[in-house]
PDB file of N, CA and C in Angstrom:
ATOM      1  N   THR A   1     -81.923  95.868 194.835  1.00  0.00           N
ATOM      2  CA  THR A   1     -81.506  94.817 195.657  1.00  0.00           C
ATOM      3  C   THR A   1     -79.929  94.615 195.769  1.00  0.00           C
ATOM      4  N   ALA A   2     -79.291  94.419 196.711  1.00  0.00           N
ATOM      5  CA  ALA A   2     -77.920  94.209 196.892  1.00  0.00           C
ATOM      6  C   ALA A   2     -77.659  92.801 196.441  1.00  0.00           C
ATOM      7  N   MET A   3     -76.491  92.613 195.675  1.00  0.00           N
ATOM      8  CA  MET A   3     -75.901  91.199 195.542  1.00  0.00           C
ATOM      9  C   MET A   3     -74.635  91.176 195.890  1.00  0.00           C
ATOM     10  N   PHE A   4     -74.057  90.035 196.239  1.00  0.00           N
ATOM     11  CA  PHE A   4     -72.579  89.861 196.841  1.00  0.00           C
ATOM     12  C   PHE A   4     -71.786  88.996 196.087  1.00  0.00           C
ATOM     13  N   PHE A   5     -70.611  89.433 195.960  1.00  0.00           N
ATOM     14  CA  PHE A   5     -69.572  88.551 194.978  1.00  0.00           C
ATOM     15  C   PHE A   5     -68.410  88.307 195.905  1.00  0.00           C
ATOM     16  N   ASN A   6     -68.207  88.673 197.044  1.00  0.00           N
ATOM     17  CA  ASN A   6     -67.091  88.317 197.978  1.00  0.00           C
ATOM     18  C   ASN A   6     -67.518  88.211 199.574  1.00  0.00           C
ATOM     19  N   PHE A   7     -66.925  87.430 200.097  1.00  0.00           N
ATOM     20  CA  PHE A   7     -67.000  87.552 201.533  1.00  0.00           C
ATOM     21  C   PHE A   7     -65.500  87.676 202.239  1.00  0.00           C
ATOM     22  N   PHE A   8     -65.322  88.463 203.017  1.00  0.00           N
ATOM     23  CA  PHE A   8     -63.897  88.794 203.559  1.00  0.00           C
ATOM     24  C   PHE A   8     -63.995  88.673 205.114  1.00  0.00           C
ATOM     25  N   TYR A   9     -63.165  87.718 205.521  1.00  0.00           N
ATOM     26  CA  TYR A   9     -62.965  87.593 206.999  1.00  0.00           C
ATOM     27  C   TYR A   9     -61.799  88.793 207.556  1.00  0.00           C
ATOM     28  N   ILE A  10     -62.469  89.717 208.061  1.00  0.00           N
ATOM     29  CA  ILE A  10     -61.569  90.684 208.749  1.00  0.00           C
ATOM     30  C   ILE A  10     -60.497  90.328 209.775  1.00  0.00           C
ATOM     31  N   ASP A  11     -61.067  89.503 210.589  1.00  0.00           N
ATOM     32  CA  ASP A  11     -59.983  88.997 211.663  1.00  0.00           C
ATOM     33  C   ASP A  11     -58.805  88.172 211.067  1.00  0.00           C
ATOM     34  N   LYS A  12     -59.178  87.515 209.945  1.00  0.00           N
ATOM     35  CA  LYS A  12     -58.107  86.662 209.464  1.00  0.00           C
ATOM     36  C   LYS A  12     -57.422  87.403 208.139  1.00  0.00           C
ATOM     37  N   TYR A  13     -58.061  88.451 207.655  1.00  0.00           N
ATOM     38  CA  TYR A  13     -57.461  89.204 206.407  1.00  0.00           C
ATOM     39  C   TYR A  13     -57.510  88.351 205.237  1.00  0.00           C
ATOM     40  N   ILE A  14     -58.534  87.411 205.137  1.00  0.00           N
ATOM     41  CA  ILE A  14     -58.772  86.555 203.951  1.00  0.00           C
ATOM     42  C   ILE A  14     -60.094  86.724 203.235  1.00  0.00           C
ATOM     43  N   TYR A  15     -60.201  86.288 202.069  1.00  0.00           N
ATOM     44  CA  TYR A  15     -61.444  86.137 201.365  1.00  0.00           C
ATOM     45  C   TYR A  15     -61.960  84.610 201.497  1.00  0.00           C
ATOM     46  N   ALA A  16     -63.108  84.307 201.554  1.00  0.00           N
ATOM     47  CA  ALA A  16     -63.692  83.071 201.703  1.00  0.00           C
ATOM     48  C   ALA A  16     -63.437  82.250 200.317  1.00  0.00           C
ATOM     49  N   ASP A  17     -63.133  80.965 200.524  1.00  0.00           N
ATOM     50  CA  ASP A  17     -63.064  80.192 199.290  1.00  0.00           C
ATOM     51  C   ASP A  17     -64.564  80.137 198.740  1.00  0.00           C
ATOM     52  N   PHE A  18     -64.795  79.730 197.597  1.00  0.00           N
ATOM     53  CA  PHE A  18     -66.072  79.727 196.981  1.00  0.00           C
ATOM     54  C   PHE A  18     -67.129  78.950 197.644  1.00  0.00           C
ATOM     55  N   GLN A  19     -66.861  77.647 198.121  1.00  0.00           N
ATOM     56  CA  GLN A  19     -67.913  76.989 198.811  1.00  0.00           C
ATOM     57  C   GLN A  19     -68.154  77.714 200.185  1.00  0.00           C
ATOM     58  N   ASP A  20     -67.233  78.176 200.698  1.00  0.00           N
ATOM     59  CA  ASP A  20     -67.450  78.821 202.281  1.00  0.00           C
ATOM     60  C   ASP A  20     -68.268  80.142 201.709  1.00  0.00           C
ATOM     61  N   PHE A  21     -68.055  80.896 200.769  1.00  0.00           N
ATOM     62  CA  PHE A  21     -68.695  81.983 200.287  1.00  0.00           C
ATOM     63  C   PHE A  21     -70.192  81.755 200.092  1.00  0.00           C
ATOM     64  N   LYS A  22     -70.531  80.573 199.386  1.00  0.00           N
ATOM     65  CA  LYS A  22     -71.912  80.143 199.131  1.00  0.00           C
ATOM     66  C   LYS A  22     -72.682  79.795 200.472  1.00  0.00           C
ATOM     67  N   GLU A  23     -71.926  79.186 201.337  1.00  0.00           N
ATOM     68  CA  GLU A  23     -72.637  78.739 202.597  1.00  0.00           C
ATOM     69  C   GLU A  23     -72.753  80.008 203.386  1.00  0.00           C
ATOM     70  N   LYS A  24     -71.903  80.907 203.438  1.00  0.00           N
ATOM     71  CA  LYS A  24     -72.186  82.187 204.163  1.00  0.00           C
ATOM     72  C   LYS A  24     -73.476  82.891 203.525  1.00  0.00           C
ATOM     73  N   MET A  25     -73.569  83.071 202.204  1.00  0.00           N
ATOM     74  CA  MET A  25     -74.695  83.754 201.536  1.00  0.00           C
ATOM     75  C   MET A  25     -75.956  82.932 202.020  1.00  0.00           C
ATOM     76  N   ARG A  26     -75.932  81.628 202.093  1.00  0.00           N
ATOM     77  CA  ARG A  26     -77.120  80.784 202.420  1.00  0.00           C
ATOM     78  C   ARG A  26     -77.503  81.236 203.910  1.00  0.00           C
ATOM     79  N   ILE A  27     -76.437  81.232 204.707  1.00  0.00           N
ATOM     80  CA  ILE A  27     -76.832  81.331 206.366  1.00  0.00           C
ATOM     81  C   ILE A  27     -77.388  82.785 206.391  1.00  0.00           C
ATOM     82  N   LEU A  28     -76.739  83.697 205.975  1.00  0.00           N
ATOM     83  CA  LEU A  28     -77.015  85.166 206.066  1.00  0.00           C
ATOM     84  C   LEU A  28     -78.218  85.453 205.091  1.00  0.00           C
ATOM     85  N   GLN A  29     -78.680  84.681 204.369  1.00  0.00           N
ATOM     86  CA  GLN A  29     -79.903  84.915 203.514  1.00  0.00           C
ATOM     87  C   GLN A  29     -79.484  86.065 202.638  1.00  0.00           C
ATOM     88  N   LEU A  30     -78.464  86.156 201.930  1.00  0.00           N
ATOM     89  CA  LEU A  30     -78.011  87.180 201.091  1.00  0.00           C
ATOM     90  C   LEU A  30     -77.928  86.762 199.757  1.00  0.00           C
ATOM     91  N   ASP A  31     -77.996  87.472 198.590  1.00  0.00           N
ATOM     92  CA  ASP A  31     -78.216  86.964 197.301  1.00  0.00           C
ATOM     93  C   ASP A  31     -76.739  87.303 196.859  1.00  0.00           C
ATOM     94  N   PRO A  32     -76.193  86.013 196.134  1.00  0.00           N
ATOM     95  CA  PRO A  32     -74.790  86.231 195.465  1.00  0.00           C
ATOM     96  C   PRO A  32     -75.124  86.657 194.206  1.00  0.00           C
ATOM     97  N   VAL A  33     -74.153  87.402 193.409  1.00  0.00           N
ATOM     98  CA  VAL A  33     -74.166  87.556 192.016  1.00  0.00           C
ATOM     99  C   VAL A  33     -74.410  86.210 191.273  1.00  0.00           C
ATOM    100  N   PRO A  34     -74.899  86.281 190.131  1.00  0.00           N
ATOM    101  CA  PRO A  34     -75.066  85.027 189.215  1.00  0.00           C
ATOM    102  C   PRO A  34     -73.661  84.480 189.042  1.00  0.00           C
ATOM    103  N   VAL A  35     -73.606  83.042 189.082  1.00  0.00           N
ATOM    104  CA  VAL A  35     -72.433  82.436 188.811  1.00  0.00           C
ATOM    105  C   VAL A  35     -72.689  81.646 187.472  1.00  0.00           C
ATOM    106  N   LEU A  36     -71.874  81.863 186.507  1.00  0.00           N
ATOM    107  CA  LEU A  36     -72.146  81.089 185.252  1.00  0.00           C
ATOM    108  C   LEU A  36     -71.603  79.771 185.170  1.00  0.00           C
ATOM    109  N   GLU A  37     -70.439  79.508 185.697  1.00  0.00           N
ATOM    110  CA  GLU A  37     -69.736  78.242 185.648  1.00  0.00           C
ATOM    111  C   GLU A  37     -68.972  78.014 187.052  1.00  0.00           C
ATOM    112  N   GLU A  38     -69.245  76.953 187.618  1.00  0.00           N
ATOM    113  CA  GLU A  38     -68.457  76.627 188.879  1.00  0.00           C
ATOM    114  C   GLU A  38     -67.179  75.834 188.671  1.00  0.00           C
ATOM    115  N   ASN A  39     -67.225  75.131 187.511  1.00  0.00           N
ATOM    116  CA  ASN A  39     -66.074  74.316 187.237  1.00  0.00           C
ATOM    117  C   ASN A  39     -65.352  74.694 185.891  1.00  0.00           C
ATOM    118  N   TYR A  40     -65.085  75.899 185.696  1.00  0.00           N
ATOM    119  CA  TYR A  40     -64.582  76.445 184.529  1.00  0.00           C
ATOM    120  C   TYR A  40     -63.139  76.151 184.416  1.00  0.00           C
ATOM    121  N   LEU A  41     -62.593  75.682 183.358  1.00  0.00           N
ATOM    122  CA  LEU A  41     -61.234  75.503 183.108  1.00  0.00           C
ATOM    123  C   LEU A  41     -60.768  76.688 182.352  1.00  0.00           C
ATOM    124  N   LEU A  42     -59.745  77.467 182.927  1.00  0.00           N
ATOM    125  CA  LEU A  42     -59.305  78.626 182.343  1.00  0.00           C
ATOM    126  C   LEU A  42     -58.492  78.508 180.983  1.00  0.00           C
ATOM    127  N   GLU A  43     -58.933  79.242 179.994  1.00  0.00           N
ATOM    128  CA  GLU A  43     -58.440  79.223 178.775  1.00  0.00           C
ATOM    129  C   GLU A  43     -57.035  80.043 178.747  1.00  0.00           C
ATOM    130  N   SER A  44     -56.273  79.755 177.956  1.00  0.00           N
ATOM    131  CA  SER A  44     -54.890  80.428 177.662  1.00  0.00           C
ATOM    132  C   SER A  44     -54.882  81.512 176.608  1.00  0.00           C
ATOM    133  N   ASP A  45     -56.229  81.738 176.067  1.00  0.00           N
ATOM    134  CA  ASP A  45     -56.265  82.577 175.025  1.00  0.00           C
ATOM    135  C   ASP A  45     -57.181  83.759 175.334  1.00  0.00           C
ATOM    136  N   ILE A  46     -56.682  84.883 175.292  1.00  0.00           N
ATOM    137  CA  ILE A  46     -57.331  86.082 175.727  1.00  0.00           C
ATOM    138  C   ILE A  46     -58.704  86.252 174.712  1.00  0.00           C
ATOM    139  N   GLU A  47     -58.543  86.091 173.581  1.00  0.00           N
ATOM    140  CA  GLU A  47     -59.774  86.224 172.692  1.00  0.00           C
ATOM    141  C   GLU A  47     -60.849  85.378 172.997  1.00  0.00           C
ATOM    142  N   VAL A  48     -60.606  84.170 173.419  1.00  0.00           N
ATOM    143  CA  VAL A  48     -61.668  83.170 173.880  1.00  0.00           C
ATOM    144  C   VAL A  48     -62.230  83.781 175.209  1.00  0.00           C
ATOM    145  N   LEU A  49     -61.492  84.214 176.081  1.00  0.00           N
ATOM    146  CA  LEU A  49     -61.985  84.977 177.282  1.00  0.00           C
ATOM    147  C   LEU A  49     -62.868  86.055 177.030  1.00  0.00           C
ATOM    148  N   VAL A  50     -62.535  86.897 175.934  1.00  0.00           N
ATOM    149  CA  VAL A  50     -63.370  88.169 175.725  1.00  0.00           C
ATOM    150  C   VAL A  50     -64.684  87.681 175.166  1.00  0.00           C
ATOM    151  N   LYS A  51     -64.631  86.640 174.092  1.00  0.00           N
ATOM    152  CA  LYS A  51     -65.834  86.122 173.613  1.00  0.00           C
ATOM    153  C   LYS A  51     -66.790  85.542 174.648  1.00  0.00           C
ATOM    154  N   LYS A  52     -66.207  84.921 175.736  1.00  0.00           N
ATOM    155  CA  LYS A  52     -67.047  84.495 176.691  1.00  0.00           C
ATOM    156  C   LYS A  52     -67.873  85.622 177.371  1.00  0.00           C
ATOM    157  N   SER A  53     -67.237  86.754 177.408  1.00  0.00           N
ATOM    158  CA  SER A  53     -67.887  87.879 178.076  1.00  0.00           C
ATOM    159  C   SER A  53     -69.041  88.508 177.306  1.00  0.00           C
ATOM    160  N   ILE A  54     -69.070  88.333 176.127  1.00  0.00           N
ATOM    161  CA  ILE A  54     -69.988  88.870 175.136  1.00  0.00           C
ATOM    162  C   ILE A  54     -71.333  88.123 175.215  1.00  0.00           C
ATOM    163  N   ALA A  55     -72.239  88.839 175.938  1.00  0.00           N
ATOM    164  CA  ALA A  55     -73.579  88.164 176.151  1.00  0.00           C
ATOM    165  C   ALA A  55     -74.456  89.243 176.902  1.00  0.00           C
ATOM    166  N   LYS A  56     -75.613  89.052 176.957  1.00  0.00           N
ATOM    167  CA  LYS A  56     -76.637  89.826 177.573  1.00  0.00           C
ATOM    168  C   LYS A  56     -76.483  89.531 179.010  1.00  0.00           C
ATOM    169  N   SER A  57     -77.068  90.296 180.113  1.00  0.00           N
ATOM    170  CA  SER A  57     -76.914  90.258 181.352  1.00  0.00           C
ATOM    171  C   SER A  57     -77.740  88.999 181.778  1.00  0.00           C
ATOM    172  N   VAL A  58     -77.555  88.249 182.759  1.00  0.00           N
ATOM    173  CA  VAL A  58     -78.144  87.228 183.291  1.00  0.00           C
ATOM    174  C   VAL A  58     -79.445  87.873 184.090  1.00  0.00           C
ATOM    175  N   LEU A  59     -79.244  89.017 184.701  1.00  0.00           N
ATOM    176  CA  LEU A  59     -80.260  89.693 185.494  1.00  0.00           C
ATOM    177  C   LEU A  59     -81.146  90.421 184.673  1.00  0.00           C
ATOM    178  N   ASN A  60     -80.784  91.164 183.608  1.00  0.00           N
ATOM    179  CA  ASN A  60     -81.662  91.985 182.741  1.00  0.00           C
ATOM    180  C   ASN A  60     -81.094  91.531 181.225  1.00  0.00           C
ATOM    181  N   THR A  61     -81.951  90.750 180.542  1.00  0.00           N
ATOM    182  CA  THR A  61     -81.615  90.386 179.332  1.00  0.00           C
ATOM    183  C   THR A  61     -81.739  91.439 178.269  1.00  0.00           C
ATOM    184  N   GLU A  62     -81.986  92.554 178.699  1.00  0.00           N
ATOM    185  CA  GLU A  62     -82.214  93.773 177.619  1.00  0.00           C
ATOM    186  C   GLU A  62     -80.910  94.483 177.600  1.00  0.00           C
ATOM    187  N   VAL A  63     -80.087  94.148 178.394  1.00  0.00           N
ATOM    188  CA  VAL A  63     -78.742  95.015 178.482  1.00  0.00           C
ATOM    189  C   VAL A  63     -77.493  93.990 178.420  1.00  0.00           C
ATOM    190  N   TRP A  64     -76.396  94.646 177.929  1.00  0.00           N
ATOM    191  CA  TRP A  64     -75.236  93.835 177.833  1.00  0.00           C
ATOM    192  C   TRP A  64     -74.701  93.684 179.235  1.00  0.00           C
ATOM    193  N   ARG A  65     -74.085  92.432 179.524  1.00  0.00           N
ATOM    194  CA  ARG A  65     -73.398  92.344 180.692  1.00  0.00           C
ATOM    195  C   ARG A  65     -71.968  93.048 180.616  1.00  0.00           C
ATOM    196  N   GLU A  66     -71.529  93.456 181.776  1.00  0.00           N
ATOM    197  CA  GLU A  66     -70.259  94.332 181.870  1.00  0.00           C
ATOM    198  C   GLU A  66     -69.144  93.464 181.500  1.00  0.00           C
ATOM    199  N   GLY A  67     -69.048  92.106 181.950  1.00  0.00           N
ATOM    200  CA  GLY A  67     -68.118  91.187 181.594  1.00  0.00           C
ATOM    201  C   GLY A  67     -68.240  90.003 182.588  1.00  0.00           C
ATOM    202  N   VAL A  68     -67.191  89.201 182.747  1.00  0.00           N
ATOM    203  CA  VAL A  68     -67.314  88.064 183.747  1.00  0.00           C
ATOM    204  C   VAL A  68     -66.085  88.149 184.408  1.00  0.00           C
ATOM    205  N   VAL A  69     -66.230  87.904 185.715  1.00  0.00           N
ATOM    206  CA  VAL A  69     -65.026  87.664 186.759  1.00  0.00           C
ATOM    207  C   VAL A  69     -64.752  86.291 186.807  1.00  0.00           C
ATOM    208  N   ILE A  70     -63.498  85.999 186.742  1.00  0.00           N
ATOM    209  CA  ILE A  70     -62.796  84.805 187.014  1.00  0.00           C
ATOM    210  C   ILE A  70     -62.100  84.439 188.150  1.00  0.00           C
ATOM    211  N   ARG A  71     -62.271  83.577 188.926  1.00  0.00           N
ATOM    212  CA  ARG A  71     -61.674  83.441 190.158  1.00  0.00           C
ATOM    213  C   ARG A  71     -61.501  81.790 190.456  1.00  0.00           C
ATOM    214  N   PRO A  72     -60.358  81.560 191.126  1.00  0.00           N
ATOM    215  CA  PRO A  72     -60.261  80.086 191.568  1.00  0.00           C
ATOM    216  C   PRO A  72     -61.395  79.654 192.649  1.00  0.00           C
ATOM    217  N   LEU A  73     -61.656  78.552 192.683  1.00  0.00           N
ATOM    218  CA  LEU A  73     -62.592  78.017 193.664  1.00  0.00           C
ATOM    219  C   LEU A  73     -61.966  78.222 195.008  1.00  0.00           C
ATOM    220  N   THR A  74     -60.613  77.868 195.145  1.00  0.00           N
ATOM    221  CA  THR A  74     -59.888  78.054 196.357  1.00  0.00           C
ATOM    222  C   THR A  74     -58.943  79.254 196.191  1.00  0.00           C
ATOM    223  N   GLU A  75     -59.223  80.158 197.076  1.00  0.00           N
ATOM    224  CA  GLU A  75     -58.515  81.493 196.900  1.00  0.00           C
ATOM    225  C   GLU A  75     -57.026  81.212 196.816  1.00  0.00           C
ATOM    226  N   ILE A  76     -56.414  82.078 196.042  1.00  0.00           N
ATOM    227  CA  ILE A  76     -54.904  81.853 195.706  1.00  0.00           C
ATOM    228  C   ILE A  76     -54.325  83.192 195.848  1.00  0.00           C
ATOM    229  N   THR A  77     -53.212  83.426 196.534  1.00  0.00           N
ATOM    230  CA  THR A  77     -52.327  84.723 196.369  1.00  0.00           C
ATOM    231  C   THR A  77     -51.119  84.366 195.866  1.00  0.00           C
ATOM    232  N   ASP A  78     -50.520  85.342 195.101  1.00  0.00           N
ATOM    233  CA  ASP A  78     -49.178  85.108 194.473  1.00  0.00           C
ATOM    234  C   ASP A  78     -48.361  86.310 194.658  1.00  0.00           C
ATOM    235  N   HIS A  79     -47.733  86.271 195.906  1.00  0.00           N
ATOM    236  CA  HIS A  79     -46.929  87.446 196.439  1.00  0.00           C
ATOM    237  C   HIS A  79     -45.654  87.584 195.573  1.00  0.00           C
ATOM    238  N   LYS A  80     -45.200  86.523 195.028  1.00  0.00           N
ATOM    239  CA  LYS A  80     -43.819  86.466 194.342  1.00  0.00           C
ATOM    240  C   LYS A  80     -43.995  87.060 192.943  1.00  0.00           C
ATOM    241  N   ASP A  81     -45.094  86.465 192.048  1.00  0.00           N
ATOM    242  CA  ASP A  81     -45.108  86.781 190.660  1.00  0.00           C
ATOM    243  C   ASP A  81     -46.016  87.944 190.383  1.00  0.00           C
ATOM    244  N   SER A  82     -46.834  88.506 191.314  1.00  0.00           N
ATOM    245  CA  SER A  82     -47.670  89.492 191.071  1.00  0.00           C
ATOM    246  C   SER A  82     -47.210  90.843 190.427  1.00  0.00           C
ATOM    247  N   ASN A  83     -45.939  91.134 191.107  1.00  0.00           N
ATOM    248  CA  ASN A  83     -45.286  92.410 190.690  1.00  0.00           C
ATOM    249  C   ASN A  83     -46.202  93.631 190.759  1.00  0.00           C
ATOM    250  N   GLY A  84     -47.065  93.545 191.903  1.00  0.00           N
ATOM    251  CA  GLY A  84     -47.903  94.689 192.083  1.00  0.00           C
ATOM    252  C   GLY A  84     -49.148  94.761 191.242  1.00  0.00           C
ATOM    253  N   PHE A  85     -49.471  93.750 190.378  1.00  0.00           N
ATOM    254  CA  PHE A  85     -50.481  93.968 189.447  1.00  0.00           C
ATOM    255  C   PHE A  85     -51.791  93.213 190.002  1.00  0.00           C
ATOM    256  N   LEU A  86     -51.651  92.504 191.007  1.00  0.00           N
ATOM    257  CA  LEU A  86     -52.861  91.777 191.629  1.00  0.00           C
ATOM    258  C   LEU A  86     -53.042  92.720 192.925  1.00  0.00           C
ATOM    259  N   HIS A  87     -54.473  93.002 193.233  1.00  0.00           N
ATOM    260  CA  HIS A  87     -54.872  93.651 194.300  1.00  0.00           C
ATOM    261  C   HIS A  87     -54.593  92.566 195.471  1.00  0.00           C
ATOM    262  N   ASN A  88     -53.770  92.990 196.463  1.00  0.00           N
ATOM    263  CA  ASN A  88     -53.472  92.181 197.660  1.00  0.00           C
ATOM    264  C   ASN A  88     -52.841  90.977 197.188  1.00  0.00           C
ATOM    265  N   ASP A  89     -52.191  90.735 196.024  1.00  0.00           N
ATOM    266  CA  ASP A  89     -51.735  89.596 195.331  1.00  0.00           C
ATOM    267  C   ASP A  89     -52.753  88.484 195.188  1.00  0.00           C
ATOM    268  N   ARG A  90     -53.984  88.920 195.113  1.00  0.00           N
ATOM    269  CA  ARG A  90     -54.975  87.815 194.802  1.00  0.00           C
ATOM    270  C   ARG A  90     -55.350  87.606 193.516  1.00  0.00           C
ATOM    271  N   VAL A  91     -55.517  86.289 193.061  1.00  0.00           N
ATOM    272  CA  VAL A  91     -55.663  85.808 191.801  1.00  0.00           C
ATOM    273  C   VAL A  91     -57.252  86.030 191.409  1.00  0.00           C
ATOM    274  N   SER A  92     -57.474  86.973 190.759  1.00  0.00           N
ATOM    275  CA  SER A  92     -58.899  87.330 190.271  1.00  0.00           C
ATOM    276  C   SER A  92     -58.876  88.311 189.194  1.00  0.00           C
ATOM    277  N   PHE A  93     -59.653  88.029 188.108  1.00  0.00           N
ATOM    278  CA  PHE A  93     -59.671  89.152 187.059  1.00  0.00           C
ATOM    279  C   PHE A  93     -60.921  89.075 186.203  1.00  0.00           C
ATOM    280  N   LYS A  94     -61.200  89.910 185.316  1.00  0.00           N
ATOM    281  CA  LYS A  94     -62.356  90.255 184.821  1.00  0.00           C
ATOM    282  C   LYS A  94     -62.100  90.361 183.249  1.00  0.00           C
ATOM    283  N   ALA A  95     -62.857  89.740 182.502  1.00  0.00           N
ATOM    284  CA  ALA A  95     -62.849  89.891 181.010  1.00  0.00           C
ATOM    285  C   ALA A  95     -64.040  90.733 180.677  1.00  0.00           C
ATOM    286  N   ILE A  96     -63.696  91.990 180.049  1.00  0.00           N
ATOM    287  CA  ILE A  96     -64.567  93.019 179.984  1.00  0.00           C
ATOM    288  C   ILE A  96     -65.372  92.779 178.519  1.00  0.00           C
ATOM    289  N   ASN A  97     -66.651  92.884 178.578  1.00  0.00           N
ATOM    290  CA  ASN A  97     -67.419  92.623 177.338  1.00  0.00           C
ATOM    291  C   ASN A  97     -67.325  93.920 176.362  1.00  0.00           C
ATOM    292  N   PRO A  98     -66.759  93.920 175.261  1.00  0.00           N
ATOM    293  CA  PRO A  98     -66.410  95.024 174.446  1.00  0.00           C
ATOM    294  C   PRO A  98     -67.788  95.692 174.007  1.00  0.00           C
ATOM    295  N   GLU A  99     -68.871  94.850 173.878  1.00  0.00           N
ATOM    296  CA  GLU A  99     -70.185  95.511 173.693  1.00  0.00           C
ATOM    297  C   GLU A  99     -70.688  96.463 174.733  1.00  0.00           C
ATOM    298  N   PHE A 100     -70.331  96.129 175.926  1.00  0.00           N
ATOM    299  CA  PHE A 100     -70.741  96.941 177.030  1.00  0.00           C
ATOM    300  C   PHE A 100     -69.973  98.266 176.979  1.00  0.00           C
ATOM    301  N   LEU A 101     -68.566  97.966 176.633  1.00  0.00           N
ATOM    302  CA  LEU A 101     -67.707  99.267 176.550  1.00  0.00           C
ATOM    303  C   LEU A 101     -68.340 100.224 175.335  1.00  0.00           C
ATOM    304  N   LEU A 102     -68.658  99.499 174.364  1.00  0.00           N
ATOM    305  CA  LEU A 102     -69.072 100.565 173.131  1.00  0.00           C
ATOM    306  C   LEU A 102     -70.410 101.279 173.572  1.00  0.00           C
ATOM    307  N   LYS A 103     -71.250 100.706 174.349  1.00  0.00           N
ATOM    308  CA  LYS A 103     -72.428 101.335 174.716  1.00  0.00           C
ATOM    309  C   LYS A 103     -72.227 102.212 175.988  1.00  0.00           C
ATOM    310  N   TYR A 104     -71.537 101.910 176.968  1.00  0.00           N
ATOM    311  CA  TYR A 104     -71.321 102.518 178.161  1.00  0.00           C
ATOM    312  C   TYR A 104     -69.945 103.126 178.492  1.00  0.00           C
ATOM    313  N   GLY A 105     -68.960 102.763 177.747  1.00  0.00           N
ATOM    314  CA  GLY A 105     -67.654 103.154 178.099  1.00  0.00           C
ATOM    315  C   GLY A 105     -67.241 104.575 177.721  1.00  0.00           C
ATOM    316  N   ASP A 106     -66.247 104.995 178.376  1.00  0.00           N
ATOM    317  CA  ASP A 106     -65.776 106.408 178.112  1.00  0.00           C
ATOM    318  C   ASP A 106     -64.728 106.410 176.996  1.00  0.00           C
TER     319      ASP A 106
END
Protein backbone atom coordinates (compact mmCIF):
# COMPACT_ATOMS: atom_id res chain seq x y z
CA THR A 1 0.00 0.00 0.00
CA ALA A 2 1.28 3.46 -0.90
CA MET A 3 1.27 6.11 1.81
CA PHE A 4 1.86 9.81 1.28
CA PHE A 5 3.79 12.41 3.26
CA ASN A 6 3.68 15.43 0.93
CA PHE A 7 1.39 17.16 -1.51
CA PHE A 8 3.09 19.44 -4.02
CA TYR A 9 1.36 22.04 -6.20
CA ILE A 10 3.29 21.89 -9.46
CA ASP A 11 1.64 25.02 -10.86
CA LYS A 12 2.55 27.12 -7.78
CA TYR A 13 5.77 25.20 -7.02
CA ILE A 14 4.89 24.94 -3.31
CA TYR A 15 4.12 22.20 -0.82
CA ALA A 16 0.71 22.12 0.83
CA ASP A 17 0.42 23.24 4.45
CA PHE A 18 -0.45 20.41 6.84
CA GLN A 19 -4.22 21.06 7.05
CA ASP A 20 -4.41 21.39 3.26
CA PHE A 21 -2.41 18.15 2.90
CA LYS A 22 -4.85 16.29 5.19
CA GLU A 23 -7.82 17.63 3.21
CA LYS A 24 -6.26 16.56 -0.12
CA MET A 25 -5.65 13.06 1.26
CA ARG A 26 -9.29 12.87 2.37
CA ILE A 27 -10.66 14.13 -0.97
CA LEU A 28 -8.39 11.87 -3.03
CA GLN A 29 -8.96 8.93 -0.65
CA LEU A 30 -5.22 8.43 -0.19
CA ASP A 31 -3.51 7.21 2.96
CA PRO A 32 -1.11 9.61 4.68
CA VAL A 33 1.84 8.29 6.68
CA PRO A 34 1.12 8.09 10.42
CA VAL A 35 1.29 11.44 12.21
CA LEU A 36 2.59 11.08 15.76
CA GLU A 37 1.85 14.64 16.91
CA GLU A 38 0.19 17.61 15.27
CA ASN A 39 1.04 20.25 17.86
CA TYR A 40 4.63 19.33 18.64
CA LEU A 41 6.80 22.05 20.14
CA LEU A 42 10.31 21.67 18.71
CA GLU A 43 13.00 20.83 21.25
CA SER A 44 16.30 22.68 21.10
CA ASP A 45 18.19 19.58 22.23
CA ILE A 46 19.34 17.06 19.61
CA GLU A 47 19.51 14.22 22.17
CA VAL A 48 15.82 14.75 23.02
CA LEU A 49 14.94 14.60 19.30
CA VAL A 50 16.91 11.39 18.82
CA LYS A 51 15.21 9.82 21.88
CA LYS A 52 11.84 10.73 20.34
CA SER A 53 12.82 8.74 17.24
CA ILE A 54 13.62 5.55 19.18
CA ALA A 55 10.52 3.39 19.00
CA LYS A 56 8.93 0.59 17.04
CA SER A 57 7.10 1.40 13.84
CA VAL A 58 3.47 2.45 14.11
CA LEU A 59 2.75 0.39 11.00
CA ASN A 60 4.61 -2.75 12.09
CA THR A 61 5.38 -3.00 15.79
CA GLU A 62 7.88 -5.81 15.17
CA VAL A 63 10.43 -3.51 13.51
CA TRP A 64 12.18 -0.30 14.49
CA ARG A 65 10.94 2.91 12.92
CA GLU A 66 13.46 4.63 10.67
CA GLY A 67 12.96 7.92 12.48
CA VAL A 68 10.57 10.84 12.73
CA VAL A 69 10.10 13.71 10.30
CA ILE A 70 9.50 17.13 11.81
CA ARG A 71 7.88 19.90 9.81
CA PRO A 72 6.00 23.09 10.61
CA LEU A 73 2.20 23.03 10.24
CA THR A 74 2.53 25.98 7.87
CA GLU A 75 5.21 25.54 5.21
CA ILE A 76 8.28 27.70 5.76
CA THR A 77 11.17 28.38 3.44
CA ASP A 78 14.34 30.06 4.56
CA HIS A 79 16.23 31.39 1.56
CA LYS A 80 18.56 33.61 3.57
CA ASP A 81 19.78 31.27 6.31
CA SER A 82 19.67 27.85 4.64
CA ASN A 83 23.12 28.19 3.05
CA GLY A 84 22.20 25.34 0.72
CA PHE A 85 21.52 22.89 3.57
CA LEU A 86 17.72 22.87 3.11
CA HIS A 87 16.26 21.17 0.05
CA ASN A 88 14.62 24.03 -1.89
CA ASP A 89 15.16 26.10 1.30
CA ARG A 90 12.29 24.14 2.91
CA VAL A 91 12.19 23.71 6.68
CA SER A 92 11.84 19.94 7.19
CA PHE A 93 14.12 17.42 8.89
CA LYS A 94 14.31 13.87 10.18
CA ALA A 95 15.58 12.55 13.49
CA ILE A 96 17.04 9.11 12.68
CA ASN A 97 16.46 6.20 15.08
CA PRO A 98 19.91 4.83 16.05
CA GLU A 99 18.37 1.38 16.61
CA PHE A 100 17.21 1.35 12.99
CA LEU A 101 20.71 2.32 11.84
CA LEU A 102 22.30 -0.46 13.94
CA LYS A 103 20.01 -3.06 12.39
CA TYR A 104 19.65 -1.77 8.81
CA GLY A 105 22.32 0.90 8.34
CA ASP A 106 25.46 0.64 6.26
